[in-house]
């Protein structure tokens, strides 16, 4: 069988009769086909960026060797991102523990993991307030483990006067401790104030720009300044 693209007298006759496409048209068609092939491959490669890990596995037979290398790199990247997200958002809620859980949940919590433990008792209002704030902070900082425990289940005979008590741990070591109601400022404690206090220990990365609770010393100094008469006032009284 003769090659229809060959430059022969017979093929020229067939082209004139319209049986074969003209030589120029044939070459154009071949060039278009060659151009479409890499575009098609490129479009296939691009689609993997929108696929889930499961979809990549289901469609891996459709990709060529070059695509598979790119896809494997992308798969590893997506897998690493997924693991990082899972680790970062590992918690998000307050875990209730007892003394038997302490070693597993605190001492062996994990490398680089911050743990914040609240020792409390039912019926103490400020303990209930801190538990409420813990719930909000646990949602805001899901990479930090917030836990609570009834005080005497962790430390037998722990005195109620020391409640609430908050311990901050890193890899099982205590980094900060807050003991007793006075440390927290009583029932006026806000979630932002507790967040700031915990951020000073390094356990959480707050987005607060300054301490939401004005230091008591500053308030007292301002009160004293206002109550002390100035020299001008004294001179006026003398007159």
Protein backbone atom coordinates (compact mmCIF):
# COMPACT_ATOMS: atom_id res chain seq x y z
CA UNK A 1 0.00 0.00 0.00
CA UNK A 2 1.35 3.41 -0.98
CA UNK A 3 2.04 6.12 1.61
CA UNK A 4 -0.70 8.77 1.10
CA UNK A 5 1.72 11.45 2.23
CA UNK A 6 4.38 10.45 -0.31
CA UNK A 7 5.17 12.94 -3.06
CA UNK A 8 4.24 10.79 -6.09
CA UNK A 9 2.47 11.44 -9.41
CA UNK A 10 -0.37 9.11 -8.42
CA UNK A 11 -0.90 10.86 -5.09
CA UNK A 12 -0.91 14.22 -6.90
CA UNK A 13 -3.77 12.95 -9.09
CA UNK A 14 -5.69 11.75 -6.02
CA UNK A 15 -5.17 15.11 -4.34
CA UNK A 16 -6.54 16.93 -7.41
CA UNK A 17 -9.60 14.69 -7.35
CA UNK A 18 -10.08 15.50 -3.65
CA UNK A 19 -9.60 11.89 -2.63
CA UNK A 20 -6.49 12.79 -0.59
CA UNK A 21 -6.05 16.05 1.31
CA UNK A 22 -3.59 18.50 -0.17
CA UNK A 23 -0.01 18.07 0.92
CA UNK A 24 -0.05 21.33 2.90
CA UNK A 25 -3.23 20.37 4.74
CA UNK A 26 -1.77 16.97 5.62
CA UNK A 27 1.34 18.54 7.11
CA UNK A 28 -0.79 21.03 9.05
CA UNK A 29 -2.87 18.20 10.48
CA UNK A 30 0.26 16.36 11.58
CA UNK A 31 1.64 19.49 13.25
CA UNK A 32 -1.67 20.11 15.05
CA UNK A 33 -1.70 16.53 16.29
CA UNK A 34 1.84 16.89 17.61
CA UNK A 35 0.92 20.16 19.34
CA UNK A 36 -2.22 18.73 20.92
CA UNK A 37 -0.38 15.80 22.50
CA UNK A 38 1.70 17.78 25.05
CA UNK A 39 -1.31 20.02 25.74
CA UNK A 40 -3.35 16.93 26.54
CA UNK A 41 -0.60 15.60 28.79
CA UNK A 42 -0.30 19.00 30.46
CA UNK A 43 -4.02 19.12 31.13
CA UNK A 44 -3.85 15.69 32.74
CA UNK A 45 -0.97 16.75 34.97
CA UNK A 46 -2.79 19.90 36.01
CA UNK A 47 -5.85 17.98 37.16
CA UNK A 48 -3.97 16.18 39.93
CA UNK A 49 -3.65 19.44 41.86
CA UNK A 50 -7.41 19.42 42.37
CA UNK A 51 -7.59 15.75 43.35
CA UNK A 52 -7.71 14.21 46.78
CA UNK A 53 -5.18 11.54 47.76
CA UNK A 54 -7.80 8.86 47.07
CA UNK A 55 -8.57 10.26 43.60
CA UNK A 56 -4.87 10.31 42.73
CA UNK A 57 -4.64 6.61 43.51
CA UNK A 58 -7.79 5.82 41.48
CA UNK A 59 -6.50 7.69 38.40
CA UNK A 60 -2.80 6.83 38.54
CA UNK A 61 -3.09 4.51 35.48
CA UNK A 62 -3.94 7.50 33.29
CA UNK A 63 -0.65 9.32 33.91
CA UNK A 64 2.64 8.84 32.11
CA UNK A 65 6.01 8.41 33.82
CA UNK A 66 6.73 12.13 34.04
CA UNK A 67 3.27 12.77 35.43
CA UNK A 68 3.70 10.04 38.02
CA UNK A 69 6.90 11.60 39.33
CA UNK A 70 5.21 14.98 39.68
CA UNK A 71 2.15 13.39 41.24
CA UNK A 72 4.22 11.43 43.75
CA UNK A 73 5.94 14.65 44.86
CA UNK A 74 2.57 16.33 45.13
CA UNK A 75 1.12 13.37 47.04
CA UNK A 76 3.94 13.51 49.59
CA UNK A 77 3.45 17.26 49.97
CA UNK A 78 -0.30 16.87 50.50
CA UNK A 79 0.29 14.04 52.98
CA UNK A 80 2.77 16.14 54.98
CA UNK A 81 0.32 19.07 55.03
CA UNK A 82 -2.48 16.77 56.17
CA UNK A 83 -0.36 15.33 59.00
CA UNK A 84 0.68 18.83 60.10
CA UNK A 85 -2.95 19.95 60.15
CA UNK A 86 -4.04 16.90 62.09
CA UNK A 87 -1.30 17.47 64.66
CA UNK A 88 -2.05 21.17 64.94
CA UNK A 89 -5.76 20.58 65.41
CA UNK A 90 -5.32 17.54 67.61
CA UNK A 91 -7.41 18.69 70.57
CA UNK A 92 -9.89 21.58 70.59
CA UNK A 93 -11.77 20.57 73.73
CA UNK A 94 -11.12 20.15 77.45
CA UNK A 95 -10.30 16.61 78.57
CA UNK A 96 -11.42 15.42 82.02
CA UNK A 97 -8.93 13.13 83.75
CA UNK A 98 -8.37 11.47 87.10
CA UNK A 99 -5.22 10.54 88.97
CA UNK A 100 -4.75 7.26 87.08
CA UNK A 101 -4.67 9.16 83.77
CA UNK A 102 -2.07 11.70 84.90
CA UNK A 103 1.07 9.90 83.72
CA UNK A 104 -0.36 9.11 80.29
CA UNK A 105 -2.03 12.48 79.66
CA UNK A 106 0.59 14.77 81.23
CA UNK A 107 3.96 13.14 81.83
CA UNK A 108 3.85 11.18 78.55
CA UNK A 109 1.84 13.71 76.59
CA UNK A 110 4.39 13.94 73.78
CA UNK A 111 7.41 15.78 72.49
CA UNK A 112 6.98 19.54 72.17
CA UNK A 113 3.41 19.40 73.51
CA UNK A 114 2.09 21.94 76.00
CA UNK A 115 -0.39 20.70 78.59
CA UNK A 116 -2.47 23.00 80.83
CA UNK A 117 -4.11 21.31 83.82
CA UNK A 118 -6.82 22.86 85.99
CA UNK A 119 -7.35 21.33 89.44
CA UNK A 120 -10.84 22.19 90.65
CA UNK A 121 -13.76 21.13 92.81
CA UNK A 122 -17.49 21.28 92.24
CA UNK A 123 -19.26 24.07 94.09
CA UNK A 124 -16.40 26.59 93.93
CA UNK A 125 -17.60 29.43 91.66
CA UNK A 126 -14.21 30.57 90.39
CA UNK A 127 -13.33 26.98 89.47
CA UNK A 128 -16.50 26.82 87.37
CA UNK A 129 -15.54 30.13 85.76
CA UNK A 130 -12.07 28.88 84.81
CA UNK A 131 -13.53 25.65 83.42
CA UNK A 132 -15.77 27.81 81.24
CA UNK A 133 -12.80 29.86 80.02
CA UNK A 134 -10.84 26.64 79.39
CA UNK A 135 -13.56 25.51 76.98
CA UNK A 136 -13.17 28.70 74.93
CA UNK A 137 -9.37 28.63 75.01
CA UNK A 138 -9.25 24.95 74.01
CA UNK A 139 -11.22 25.79 70.86
CA UNK A 140 -9.00 28.79 70.13
CA UNK A 141 -5.73 26.88 70.64
CA UNK A 142 -6.39 23.29 69.43
CA UNK A 143 -2.67 22.48 69.38
CA UNK A 144 -2.51 22.80 73.19
CA UNK A 145 -3.92 20.09 75.47
CA UNK A 146 -6.31 21.61 78.01
CA UNK A 147 -7.28 19.18 80.78
CA UNK A 148 -9.11 19.41 84.09
CA UNK A 149 -9.34 17.15 87.12
CA UNK A 150 -11.01 17.18 90.51
CA UNK A 151 -8.13 18.15 92.77
CA UNK A 152 -8.25 15.25 95.24
CA UNK A 153 -8.30 12.63 92.47
CA UNK A 154 -4.84 13.80 91.39
CA UNK A 155 -3.40 14.98 94.72
CA UNK A 156 -4.92 13.34 97.82
CA UNK A 157 -5.93 15.82 100.55
CA UNK A 158 -5.17 18.81 98.31
CA UNK A 159 -6.50 21.84 100.26
CA UNK A 160 -9.50 23.65 98.86
CA UNK A 161 -7.91 27.00 99.77
CA UNK A 162 -5.44 26.42 96.93
CA UNK A 163 -8.21 26.14 94.37
CA UNK A 164 -8.33 26.93 91.59
CA UNK A 165 -4.86 25.68 90.67
CA UNK A 166 -3.49 25.69 87.13
CA UNK A 167 -0.29 23.88 86.19
CA UNK A 168 1.44 24.44 82.82
CA UNK A 169 3.60 21.60 81.49
CA UNK A 170 5.94 21.11 78.56
CA UNK A 171 7.02 17.54 77.87
CA UNK A 172 6.04 16.58 81.43
CA UNK A 173 7.96 19.39 83.17
CA UNK A 174 6.15 22.17 85.07
CA UNK A 175 6.82 25.52 83.42
CA UNK A 176 4.36 27.64 85.42
CA UNK A 177 1.82 27.32 88.21
CA UNK A 178 -1.03 29.53 89.39
CA UNK A 179 -2.38 28.67 92.84
CA UNK A 180 -5.36 30.15 94.64
CA UNK A 181 -8.16 32.60 93.77
CA UNK A 182 -6.12 35.76 94.37
CA UNK A 183 -3.72 34.88 91.55
CA UNK A 184 -6.63 34.93 89.11
CA UNK A 185 -8.20 38.14 90.41
CA UNK A 186 -11.42 36.59 91.64
CA UNK A 187 -14.72 36.26 89.80
CA UNK A 188 -14.00 39.23 87.52
CA UNK A 189 -11.49 37.12 85.57
CA UNK A 190 -12.18 37.25 81.83
CA UNK A 191 -11.14 34.72 79.20
CA UNK A 192 -8.77 37.27 77.65
CA UNK A 193 -7.10 37.85 81.01
CA UNK A 194 -6.61 34.12 81.51
CA UNK A 195 -5.29 33.81 77.95
CA UNK A 196 -2.75 36.55 78.60
CA UNK A 197 -1.65 34.94 81.87
CA UNK A 198 -1.13 31.56 80.17
CA UNK A 199 0.67 33.18 77.23
CA UNK A 200 3.26 34.58 79.61
CA UNK A 201 4.26 30.99 80.43
CA UNK A 202 4.85 30.32 76.72
CA UNK A 203 2.11 27.70 76.44
CA UNK A 204 -0.02 29.62 73.94
CA UNK A 205 0.67 32.21 71.25
CA UNK A 206 -1.86 34.93 71.97
CA UNK A 207 -3.00 37.48 69.43
CA UNK A 208 -3.68 39.98 72.22
CA UNK A 209 -1.40 42.99 71.88
CA UNK A 210 -1.39 43.95 75.56
CA UNK A 211 -2.52 42.76 78.97
CA UNK A 212 -6.31 43.24 79.03
CA UNK A 213 -6.18 43.67 82.81
CA UNK A 214 -4.54 46.89 83.95
CA UNK A 215 -2.07 46.11 86.73
CA UNK A 216 -3.44 46.92 90.19
CA UNK A 217 -0.28 48.87 91.04
CA UNK A 218 -0.89 51.28 88.18
CA UNK A 219 -4.48 51.81 89.30
CA UNK A 220 -3.36 52.51 92.89
CA UNK A 221 -0.68 54.95 91.75
CA UNK A 222 -3.21 56.79 89.61
CA UNK A 223 -5.57 57.01 92.60
CA UNK A 224 -2.77 58.33 94.83
CA UNK A 225 -1.71 60.91 92.26
CA UNK A 226 -5.27 62.19 91.99
CA UNK A 227 -5.68 62.42 95.78
CA UNK A 228 -2.37 64.22 96.47
CA UNK A 229 -2.80 68.03 96.24
CA UNK A 230 -0.47 69.84 93.89
CA UNK A 231 1.69 72.83 94.94
CA UNK A 232 -0.64 75.14 93.05
CA UNK A 233 -3.62 73.83 95.01
CA UNK A 234 -1.73 74.31 98.28
CA UNK A 235 -0.85 77.90 97.40
CA UNK A 236 -4.48 78.62 96.57
CA UNK A 237 -5.60 77.30 99.96
CA UNK A 238 -2.98 79.43 101.74
CA UNK A 239 -4.35 82.55 100.05
